[in-house]
Structures are given as C-alpha cells and as structure tokens.
C-alpha cells in the first residue's frame, strides 16, 4: 500500500466526513438551551462529540447527569423530572439497562442519561457509568491527528457494513475504533494489523488483564480490565473487517468508504418478508427478536427440506425486511427418511413404525414419508417471533432490485470487486 496513495485517499475521505468549526457551533447553539434547563445538576458531555471523533452529519450528543449511588433505584423518577424540565421540546423515553430521555430539537438529538458517579471504571453500578472514564482515556491517549485517523477508520467500518455495536450490526463501536487507533497509532496500521488477524484476537492496551474471554475479538477495556470492550463483535463482522483490510491494502479505493448503490438480480427463488412494526419500541429490543426470527426461519426451512442459500435482514424506517434465498421454491410432497443399519437393535422398531420401508444397498433401512409443510411461506409465517404489534407482507422477487434488497441479491459488496 503506497503511502502517497493512502495519504491522498485519507484527505479525500476527511474532506467529506470531518466536521467544520461551523458544524460544531451549530450543534452547540442547539445544545446550549437544553443544558440551561438542567442547570444545577452535575452533568458531563460524553460520546464522540466530547472526544472530537464524531463524523460530519452526526448530530447525536450524549449528556450524562451524575448522581450518587443511592440514586440508582430512582432512575425512572429522575427521567420523569428531566422530562418535565424539557417542556416544549419533543422528547421520548428510551430504555437500555435503565431509562434515559431523548430530546429532539430540529436536526439535533440529545440523550440525557442518568449515571452513577463512581471513582473508577471497575466500580460501576450500571453499564453507562464507565463512559466518563472512556472519554477521559481517549482524550488522554489520542492526538488531534489521531482523532482524524479514528474518523477515517469509522468511515471505513461504515462503508463495509460493520460499524455499530447494536444487535442489528454486531460490529465495531466508536469506542473500539478509538481503542484500535490508540493501540496501533494510525488508520493504516490498524488495517495492516487487522489483515493478519486470526481468531481469537486479543488486544490489551494496558497489559493488566489476566481474564480469559470467549469472544472472537477481545479488546480489554483499559478502564475496566474485567470487561471485553469488543464483546459485541461477531465472527462475521471480525471476518469482514479483516478480509476488507486485506483487499484495501492490495487495492485502496474510495469504494471501501463510500460504496456505490448496487443492483442485484434474483438467483434462485427469493422471498422478501416485510414486517411493519406498529409500536414504538427500542431498536435493540426489536432486533433481538429479528435475530431470533432469522435463526428460526433458517432452521425450520432446513428441517422441512428446503435448501437455503442465504437469509438476511435489514430495516427501512419502521419496516424490517427479511430476505430468504432458496435454491428452489417448490419441494416434493414426499421424501426419503434414513433409518438405522439392519444390525442395530432399533432396526425392527423403525420397520414397525414406518410405512414403505426397504433395505438399501448400504444395509440401512429407509422409508418414504410425507412432508408436513411444502409451502415455504407457511413455514416462514410460523417462524416469525416478533412480540410487538406488527403486520406481515410477503412477496417473491421476480425482477432486479437496488439498495438493500439489491445488496442482498447481489451478495458481493462493491469493495470485494
């Protein structure tokens, strides 16, 4: 990877993703009156905005409101109090480990998050209590130039589809991107090292943790050595990042950062299940159910005898799409069931319990059985385990598609070709 090519690419990427001073001023002008409403409370601005690793176009700001340990059971009450202080703003209660308040003002979204004030990251009462220590660590370890390296890494992750620790992505959080740059020094060093990764990958910036972890990527949290900060990263996301890094080193391109929209055509028979969510529920709650649904669809279709090429899910606003790609939509009414070898004790039971039994050339007993299901749509409908109010619509793709459905049908991402 020639340094002058990479330097030029990074300049082009940063020109598109690095916020200007005017971008910061615009956010701060909307943030100021919200903060004035909580004057008197102890608060700290957190997240990528506080660390100056945020991307242009991002307008989410995290504000942590600090309380003593005795307040940990009053979180709901505290959020209600915050909601009353934000009268006149559009607000929404959200829930993670405990409730917090989302305040919207035009393009800006501020999360007001109650947190317990603790002395160190390993003394937390709730998961969010570590965040101020994360901010402090990143600001102490990264130079201004390295914060731009984080921005480039984040956009690379976004472009290849692995940015975000939420359930629908199971990828790399902003904090993980910051830790990777803190450990390796630059974007190019990160992709160089990642191209050589073999699971399990373990990174310990402080060299203090002796704890064993099970996940494919382990990045020991420098503010809490008992925690794997990369626990959310799935094997698929790890593999995608590592493989994309190999290809990027071989042939750097803006397509890794800003992939063009692709078109795909149906290969096999493709069913698209559109699930319209009709309740206001946290994304991670919905996606937890979507992940289970995808696994169940794959299992039940396979058990029924369908040969599956792929199953995937994506969202469009309040609609969850599940794509199911089968070798063939049609399946026979009958199938061959394999029994035990003739010399096994249970062979007689198999013969008595089944009709149309015969002995094969291999000495095993076989029978012909009738399938319970031959319609894949019926199986899919029975496999959907979305617990909130929803509406289902199913269609079969007969023509080319673009966007997310095009990506699902095309399979190969733009950076892979």
Protein backbone atom coordinates (compact mmCIF):
# COMPACT_ATOMS: atom_id res chain seq x y z
CA UNK A 1 0.00 0.00 0.00
CA UNK A 2 1.82 3.09 -1.25
CA UNK A 3 1.83 5.89 1.32
CA UNK A 4 1.17 8.70 -1.14
CA UNK A 5 -1.95 6.91 -2.49
CA UNK A 6 -3.20 6.32 1.05
CA UNK A 7 -2.50 9.91 2.10
CA UNK A 8 -4.50 11.22 -0.84
CA UNK A 9 -7.38 8.82 -0.07
CA UNK A 10 -7.43 9.87 3.58
CA UNK A 11 -7.52 13.54 2.55
CA UNK A 12 -10.48 12.86 0.27
CA UNK A 13 -12.30 10.91 2.97
CA UNK A 14 -11.68 13.55 5.67
CA UNK A 15 -12.87 16.31 3.34
CA UNK A 16 -16.25 14.57 3.32
CA UNK A 17 -16.55 13.38 6.92
CA UNK A 18 -14.68 15.83 9.18
CA UNK A 19 -16.98 18.39 10.81
CA UNK A 20 -16.11 22.06 10.35
CA UNK A 21 -15.99 24.61 13.21
CA UNK A 22 -19.34 25.84 11.87
CA UNK A 23 -20.80 22.33 12.24
CA UNK A 24 -19.72 22.29 15.90
CA UNK A 25 -21.10 25.79 16.52
CA UNK A 26 -24.44 24.79 15.02
CA UNK A 27 -24.76 21.81 17.37
CA UNK A 28 -23.60 23.82 20.38
CA UNK A 29 -26.17 26.55 19.66
CA UNK A 30 -28.97 23.96 19.87
CA UNK A 31 -27.37 22.18 22.83
CA UNK A 32 -26.90 25.29 24.99
CA UNK A 33 -30.60 25.96 25.81
CA UNK A 34 -31.11 22.26 26.63
CA UNK A 35 -28.19 22.34 29.07
CA UNK A 36 -29.57 25.52 30.64
CA UNK A 37 -32.69 23.54 31.56
CA UNK A 38 -30.59 21.16 33.71
CA UNK A 39 -28.51 23.89 35.31
CA UNK A 40 -27.92 22.91 38.93
CA UNK A 41 -27.49 19.23 38.11
CA UNK A 42 -24.00 17.77 37.72
CA UNK A 43 -23.58 16.78 34.09
CA UNK A 44 -20.86 15.92 31.56
CA UNK A 45 -20.97 15.82 27.76
CA UNK A 46 -19.85 12.37 26.61
CA UNK A 47 -19.53 10.30 23.47
CA UNK A 48 -17.80 11.10 20.18
CA UNK A 49 -18.80 14.78 20.35
CA UNK A 50 -16.89 15.18 23.63
CA UNK A 51 -13.94 13.21 22.25
CA UNK A 52 -13.98 15.10 18.92
CA UNK A 53 -14.11 11.88 16.90
CA UNK A 54 -17.65 12.47 15.56
CA UNK A 55 -18.44 12.44 11.85
CA UNK A 56 -19.96 15.22 9.77
CA UNK A 57 -23.72 14.78 9.60
CA UNK A 58 -23.90 13.15 13.02
CA UNK A 59 -25.98 15.25 15.39
CA UNK A 60 -26.36 12.98 18.43
CA UNK A 61 -24.96 14.28 21.71
CA UNK A 62 -24.77 12.28 24.95
CA UNK A 63 -25.16 14.21 28.18
CA UNK A 64 -24.58 12.22 31.36
CA UNK A 65 -26.20 13.51 34.52
CA UNK A 66 -24.31 12.26 37.55
CA UNK A 67 -25.86 11.08 40.82
CA UNK A 68 -24.62 9.26 43.91
CA UNK A 69 -25.03 5.51 44.34
CA UNK A 70 -28.12 5.93 46.49
CA UNK A 71 -29.96 7.26 43.42
CA UNK A 72 -29.57 4.08 41.36
CA UNK A 73 -33.10 2.96 42.23
CA UNK A 74 -34.57 6.34 41.30
CA UNK A 75 -33.71 6.34 37.60
CA UNK A 76 -37.33 6.33 36.42
CA UNK A 77 -38.14 9.21 38.77
CA UNK A 78 -35.07 11.13 37.58
CA UNK A 79 -36.04 10.70 33.91
CA UNK A 80 -39.56 11.93 34.70
CA UNK A 81 -38.03 15.00 36.33
CA UNK A 82 -35.84 15.59 33.27
CA UNK A 83 -38.86 15.22 31.02
CA UNK A 84 -40.69 17.95 32.94
CA UNK A 85 -37.64 20.24 32.57
CA UNK A 86 -37.74 19.74 28.79
CA UNK A 87 -41.30 21.01 28.38
CA UNK A 88 -41.75 22.37 24.86
CA UNK A 89 -39.19 20.01 23.30
CA UNK A 90 -40.03 16.77 21.53
CA UNK A 91 -39.00 14.06 24.00
CA UNK A 92 -39.04 10.30 24.13
CA UNK A 93 -38.24 7.89 26.95
CA UNK A 94 -35.92 5.09 25.94
CA UNK A 95 -34.62 2.08 27.83
CA UNK A 96 -31.26 0.36 27.95
CA UNK A 97 -30.12 -1.04 31.30
CA UNK A 98 -32.18 1.78 32.80
CA UNK A 99 -34.32 4.59 31.34
CA UNK A 100 -32.97 7.76 29.74
CA UNK A 101 -34.51 10.68 27.88
CA UNK A 102 -34.10 11.58 24.20
CA UNK A 103 -34.60 15.28 23.46
CA UNK A 104 -35.04 16.36 19.83
CA UNK A 105 -34.59 19.87 18.52
CA UNK A 106 -34.67 20.03 14.74
CA UNK A 107 -31.65 18.14 13.43
CA UNK A 108 -30.08 17.56 16.87
CA UNK A 109 -30.83 14.66 19.21
CA UNK A 110 -29.61 14.82 22.80
CA UNK A 111 -29.62 11.76 25.07
CA UNK A 112 -29.96 12.77 28.73
CA UNK A 113 -28.57 9.75 30.56
CA UNK A 114 -28.66 9.37 34.36
CA UNK A 115 -25.44 7.76 35.60
CA UNK A 116 -23.91 6.91 38.94
CA UNK A 117 -20.78 8.84 39.87
CA UNK A 118 -18.03 6.35 40.71
CA UNK A 119 -14.30 6.63 41.37
CA UNK A 120 -13.10 4.23 38.64
CA UNK A 121 -14.41 2.17 35.74
CA UNK A 122 -14.24 -1.12 37.66
CA UNK A 123 -16.57 0.22 40.39
CA UNK A 124 -19.57 0.78 38.13
CA UNK A 125 -23.14 0.32 39.30
CA UNK A 126 -24.67 0.43 35.79
CA UNK A 127 -23.01 -0.13 32.42
CA UNK A 128 -23.14 3.55 31.41
CA UNK A 129 -21.11 4.59 34.46
CA UNK A 130 -17.89 3.64 32.61
CA UNK A 131 -18.49 6.16 29.85
CA UNK A 132 -16.88 9.22 31.53
CA UNK A 133 -13.74 7.13 32.05
CA UNK A 134 -13.81 6.10 28.38
CA UNK A 135 -13.95 9.77 27.35
CA UNK A 136 -11.11 10.67 29.70
CA UNK A 137 -8.95 7.78 28.47
CA UNK A 138 -9.45 8.53 24.76
CA UNK A 139 -8.79 12.26 25.20
CA UNK A 140 -5.61 11.49 27.12
CA UNK A 141 -4.28 8.99 24.55
CA UNK A 142 -5.20 10.41 21.14
CA UNK A 143 -3.67 13.45 19.46
CA UNK A 144 -5.77 15.68 17.21
CA UNK A 145 -4.23 13.97 14.19
CA UNK A 146 -5.08 10.53 15.60
CA UNK A 147 -8.68 11.64 16.14
CA UNK A 148 -8.83 12.20 12.38
CA UNK A 149 -7.41 8.67 11.96
CA UNK A 150 -10.36 7.44 14.06
CA UNK A 151 -12.75 9.28 11.75
CA UNK A 152 -11.23 7.59 8.71
CA UNK A 153 -11.45 4.18 10.44
CA UNK A 154 -15.08 4.77 11.40
CA UNK A 155 -15.99 5.64 7.80
CA UNK A 156 -14.16 2.52 6.57
CA UNK A 157 -16.17 0.44 9.03
CA UNK A 158 -19.40 2.13 7.90
CA UNK A 159 -18.58 1.56 4.25
CA UNK A 160 -18.05 -2.18 4.68
CA UNK A 161 -21.10 -2.52 6.96
CA UNK A 162 -19.53 -3.38 10.32
CA UNK A 163 -19.81 -0.09 12.22
CA UNK A 164 -22.00 -0.21 15.32
CA UNK A 165 -22.24 -2.47 18.35
CA UNK A 166 -26.04 -2.68 18.25
CA UNK A 167 -27.68 -6.08 17.71
CA UNK A 168 -28.61 -5.45 14.07
CA UNK A 169 -24.90 -4.96 13.19
CA UNK A 170 -22.93 -6.76 15.93
CA UNK A 171 -19.89 -4.80 14.83
CA UNK A 172 -17.35 -2.24 15.99
CA UNK A 173 -18.42 0.63 18.22
CA UNK A 174 -16.93 4.11 18.01
CA UNK A 175 -15.06 3.37 21.24
CA UNK A 176 -13.49 0.26 19.67
CA UNK A 177 -12.33 2.35 16.70
CA UNK A 178 -10.72 4.78 19.15
CA UNK A 179 -9.01 1.97 21.06
CA UNK A 180 -7.70 0.41 17.83
CA UNK A 181 -6.09 3.71 16.80
CA UNK A 182 -4.77 4.23 20.34
CA UNK A 183 -3.17 0.78 20.16
CA UNK A 184 -1.82 0.79 16.60
CA UNK A 185 -1.29 4.52 16.08
CA UNK A 186 -2.98 5.18 12.72
CA UNK A 187 -5.66 4.01 10.31
CA UNK A 188 -3.13 2.33 8.02
CA UNK A 189 -1.53 0.48 10.92
CA UNK A 190 -4.96 -0.73 12.06
CA UNK A 191 -5.86 -2.20 8.65
CA UNK A 192 -2.34 -3.61 8.25
CA UNK A 193 -2.64 -5.50 11.54
CA UNK A 194 -6.29 -6.44 11.02
CA UNK A 195 -5.43 -8.04 7.67
CA UNK A 196 -3.37 -10.60 9.63
CA UNK A 197 -5.94 -11.34 12.34
CA UNK A 198 -6.88 -14.92 13.21
CA UNK A 199 -9.45 -15.54 15.92
CA UNK A 200 -9.12 -15.29 18.81
CA UNK A 201 -7.61 -11.78 18.54
CA UNK A 202 -6.59 -10.27 21.88
CA UNK A 203 -5.53 -6.65 22.46
CA UNK A 204 -4.69 -5.35 25.93
CA UNK A 205 -3.52 -1.74 25.81
CA UNK A 206 -2.61 -1.65 29.49
CA UNK A 207 -1.27 -5.21 29.71
CA UNK A 208 -3.02 -5.71 33.05
CA UNK A 209 -5.78 -8.25 32.38
CA UNK A 210 -5.38 -11.94 33.07
CA UNK A 211 -9.05 -12.74 32.49
CA UNK A 212 -9.98 -15.18 29.72
CA UNK A 213 -12.76 -14.24 27.30
CA UNK A 214 -14.66 -16.38 24.80
CA UNK A 215 -15.43 -13.87 22.01
CA UNK A 216 -13.55 -13.89 18.66
CA UNK A 217 -12.21 -10.36 19.26
CA UNK A 218 -11.01 -9.33 22.71
CA UNK A 219 -10.08 -5.73 23.39
CA UNK A 220 -9.64 -5.40 27.12
CA UNK A 221 -11.33 -2.23 28.32
CA UNK A 222 -8.49 -0.05 29.65
CA UNK A 223 -10.78 1.44 32.29
CA UNK A 224 -12.17 -1.93 33.42
CA UNK A 225 -9.84 -4.92 32.83
CA UNK A 226 -12.65 -7.38 33.68
CA UNK A 227 -14.56 -6.32 30.55
CA UNK A 228 -14.13 -7.16 26.88
CA UNK A 229 -14.97 -3.88 25.14
CA UNK A 230 -15.33 -5.76 21.83
CA UNK A 231 -17.76 -8.41 23.13
CA UNK A 232 -20.43 -7.30 20.63
CA UNK A 233 -18.25 -8.01 17.58
CA UNK A 234 -19.50 -11.15 15.82
CA UNK A 235 -17.30 -13.58 13.92
CA UNK A 236 -18.88 -12.31 10.69
CA UNK A 237 -18.00 -8.67 11.47
CA UNK A 238 -14.47 -9.63 12.50
CA UNK A 239 -14.01 -11.64 9.29
CA UNK A 240 -15.49 -8.88 7.13
CA UNK A 241 -13.18 -6.23 8.59
CA UNK A 242 -10.09 -8.42 8.33
CA UNK A 243 -10.83 -9.52 4.77
CA UNK A 244 -11.74 -5.98 3.64
CA UNK A 245 -8.43 -4.81 5.14
CA UNK A 246 -6.53 -7.38 3.03
CA UNK A 247 -8.25 -6.16 -0.12
CA UNK A 248 -7.80 -2.49 0.79
CA UNK A 249 -4.06 -2.96 1.25
CA UNK A 250 -3.88 -4.64 -2.16
CA UNK A 251 -6.04 -2.06 -3.95
CA UNK A 252 -7.05 1.07 -1.97
CA UNK A 253 -10.29 2.66 -3.15
CA UNK A 254 -12.96 5.11 -2.03
CA UNK A 255 -15.48 2.28 -2.56
CA UNK A 256 -14.47 0.93 0.85
CA UNK A 257 -15.53 4.22 2.47
CA UNK A 258 -18.43 5.28 0.25
CA UNK A 259 -19.80 2.20 -1.52
CA UNK A 260 -21.96 2.93 -4.57
CA UNK A 261 -25.51 1.64 -4.64
CA UNK A 262 -25.60 -1.77 -6.25
CA UNK A 263 -28.14 -3.67 -8.31
CA UNK A 264 -28.83 -7.35 -7.86
CA UNK A 265 -30.94 -9.94 -9.65
CA UNK A 266 -32.74 -12.94 -8.19
CA UNK A 267 -30.55 -16.03 -8.11
CA UNK A 268 -32.72 -18.95 -7.05
CA UNK A 269 -36.09 -18.09 -5.53
CA UNK A 270 -36.08 -15.03 -3.26
CA UNK A 271 -38.81 -14.29 -0.75
CA UNK A 272 -38.94 -10.86 0.93
CA UNK A 273 -40.85 -10.70 4.22
CA UNK A 274 -41.82 -7.13 5.14
CA UNK A 275 -42.65 -6.74 8.83
CA UNK A 276 -44.18 -3.37 9.65
CA UNK A 277 -43.60 -2.55 13.32
CA UNK A 278 -46.65 -0.76 14.72
CA UNK A 279 -45.35 0.08 18.20
CA UNK A 280 -42.64 2.45 19.40
CA UNK A 281 -40.06 0.03 20.79
CA UNK A 282 -36.29 0.33 21.29
CA UNK A 283 -34.30 -0.83 18.25
CA UNK A 284 -32.23 -3.35 20.19
CA UNK A 285 -35.41 -4.96 21.54
CA UNK A 286 -36.81 -5.35 18.03
CA UNK A 287 -33.52 -6.54 16.58
CA UNK A 288 -33.05 -9.09 19.34
CA UNK A 289 -36.33 -10.61 18.15
CA UNK A 290 -35.35 -10.25 14.48
CA UNK A 291 -32.09 -12.16 15.03
CA UNK A 292 -34.03 -15.00 16.71
CA UNK A 293 -36.55 -14.96 13.87
CA UNK A 294 -33.83 -15.22 11.22
CA UNK A 295 -32.23 -18.16 13.04
CA UNK A 296 -35.60 -19.88 13.42
CA UNK A 297 -36.52 -19.37 9.73
CA UNK A 298 -33.20 -20.84 8.66
CA UNK A 299 -33.63 -23.84 10.97
CA UNK A 300 -37.29 -24.58 10.15
CA UNK A 301 -36.87 -24.27 6.39
CA UNK A 302 -33.83 -26.54 6.52
CA UNK A 303 -35.68 -29.09 8.68
CA UNK A 304 -38.53 -29.05 6.17
CA UNK A 305 -36.15 -29.98 3.37
CA UNK A 306 -35.60 -26.62 1.64
CA UNK A 307 -32.06 -25.85 0.50
CA UNK A 308 -31.17 -22.38 1.72
CA UNK A 309 -28.68 -20.12 0.01
CA UNK A 310 -28.98 -17.19 2.41
CA UNK A 311 -31.17 -15.46 4.99
CA UNK A 312 -30.62 -11.81 5.94
CA UNK A 313 -32.40 -8.84 7.49
CA UNK A 314 -32.35 -5.07 7.11
CA UNK A 315 -34.58 -2.15 8.05
CA UNK A 316 -36.29 0.72 6.27
CA UNK A 317 -37.74 3.09 8.86
CA UNK A 318 -40.32 1.11 10.83
CA UNK A 319 -40.20 -1.83 8.41
CA UNK A 320 -37.98 -4.85 8.98
CA UNK A 321 -37.19 -6.78 5.80
CA UNK A 322 -36.13 -10.41 5.91
CA UNK A 323 -34.73 -11.83 2.70
CA UNK A 324 -34.81 -15.60 2.16
CA UNK A 325 -32.95 -17.05 -0.81
CA UNK A 326 -33.78 -20.66 -1.69
CA UNK A 327 -32.32 -22.92 -4.34
CA UNK A 328 -35.90 -23.76 -5.27
CA UNK A 329 -39.28 -22.61 -4.03
CA UNK A 330 -41.01 -25.90 -4.91
CA UNK A 331 -40.42 -29.03 -2.88
CA UNK A 332 -41.76 -32.55 -3.25
CA UNK A 333 -44.65 -33.87 -1.15
CA UNK A 334 -42.64 -36.96 -0.14
CA UNK A 335 -39.06 -37.52 0.99
CA UNK A 336 -36.73 -40.40 1.79
CA UNK A 337 -36.17 -40.94 5.51
CA UNK A 338 -32.96 -42.71 6.53
CA UNK A 339 -33.20 -45.33 9.27
CA UNK A 340 -30.62 -47.41 11.17
CA UNK A 341 -28.37 -50.17 9.77
CA UNK A 342 -30.05 -53.60 9.76
CA UNK A 343 -27.89 -54.91 12.65
CA UNK A 344 -28.81 -52.14 15.09
CA UNK A 345 -31.26 -53.12 17.84
CA UNK A 346 -33.67 -50.35 16.86
CA UNK A 347 -33.99 -51.50 13.25
CA UNK A 348 -37.11 -53.60 13.95
CA UNK A 349 -38.79 -50.66 15.69
CA UNK A 350 -38.08 -48.48 12.64
CA UNK A 351 -39.67 -51.08 10.36
CA UNK A 352 -42.78 -51.34 12.56
CA UNK A 353 -43.28 -47.59 12.99
CA UNK A 354 -42.91 -46.61 9.34
CA UNK A 355 -44.66 -47.49 6.09
CA UNK A 356 -42.98 -48.10 2.73
CA UNK A 357 -39.83 -49.48 4.36
CA UNK A 358 -36.98 -51.04 2.37
CA UNK A 359 -33.37 -52.05 2.84
CA UNK A 360 -30.86 -50.02 0.85
CA UNK A 361 -27.66 -51.08 -0.87
CA UNK A 362 -25.73 -49.85 2.16
CA UNK A 363 -27.61 -52.16 4.55
CA UNK A 364 -29.62 -49.34 6.11
CA UNK A 365 -33.39 -49.24 6.42
CA UNK A 366 -35.24 -46.45 4.60
CA UNK A 367 -38.82 -45.30 4.32
CA UNK A 368 -40.90 -42.81 2.34
CA UNK A 369 -42.53 -40.08 4.41
CA UNK A 370 -44.92 -37.26 3.64
CA UNK A 371 -43.74 -33.74 4.41
CA UNK A 372 -45.70 -31.75 6.95
CA UNK A 373 -45.04 -28.49 5.09
CA UNK A 374 -44.34 -27.88 1.41
CA UNK A 375 -45.12 -24.14 1.30
CA UNK A 376 -42.15 -22.02 2.44
CA UNK A 377 -44.41 -19.04 3.13
CA UNK A 378 -46.33 -21.05 5.73
CA UNK A 379 -43.10 -22.09 7.45
CA UNK A 380 -41.80 -18.52 7.49
CA UNK A 381 -45.01 -17.12 8.97
CA UNK A 382 -44.93 -19.73 11.74
CA UNK A 383 -41.27 -18.91 12.43
CA UNK A 384 -41.67 -15.18 12.98
CA UNK A 385 -41.21 -14.40 16.66
CA UNK A 386 -41.78 -10.65 16.82
CA UNK A 387 -43.52 -9.93 20.11
CA UNK A 388 -44.71 -6.37 19.40
CA UNK A 389 -47.68 -5.40 17.26
CA UNK A 390 -46.79 -5.86 13.59
CA UNK A 391 -48.12 -6.54 10.12
CA UNK A 392 -46.60 -9.05 7.67
CA UNK A 393 -46.45 -8.88 3.89
CA UNK A 394 -44.65 -11.43 1.70
CA UNK A 395 -43.58 -11.14 -1.91
CA UNK A 396 -41.31 -13.09 -4.27
CA UNK A 397 -38.71 -11.16 -6.22
CA UNK A 398 -39.02 -11.56 -9.97
CA UNK A 399 -37.01 -8.56 -11.10
CA UNK A 400 -33.74 -6.79 -10.32
CA UNK A 401 -33.54 -4.59 -7.24
CA UNK A 402 -31.39 -1.79 -5.84
CA UNK A 403 -30.48 -0.59 -2.37
CA UNK A 404 -30.61 -3.08 0.49
CA UNK A 405 -32.59 -5.70 -1.44
CA UNK A 406 -30.17 -5.28 -4.34
CA UNK A 407 -27.24 -5.87 -1.96
CA UNK A 408 -28.92 -8.99 -0.59
CA UNK A 409 -29.47 -10.42 -4.07
CA UNK A 410 -26.07 -9.38 -5.42
CA UNK A 411 -24.21 -10.88 -2.44
CA UNK A 412 -20.81 -9.40 -3.34
CA UNK A 413 -20.25 -5.94 -1.78
CA UNK A 414 -18.75 -3.22 -4.04
CA UNK A 415 -15.40 -3.32 -2.23
CA UNK A 416 -15.00 -7.03 -2.93
CA UNK A 417 -14.85 -6.49 -6.72
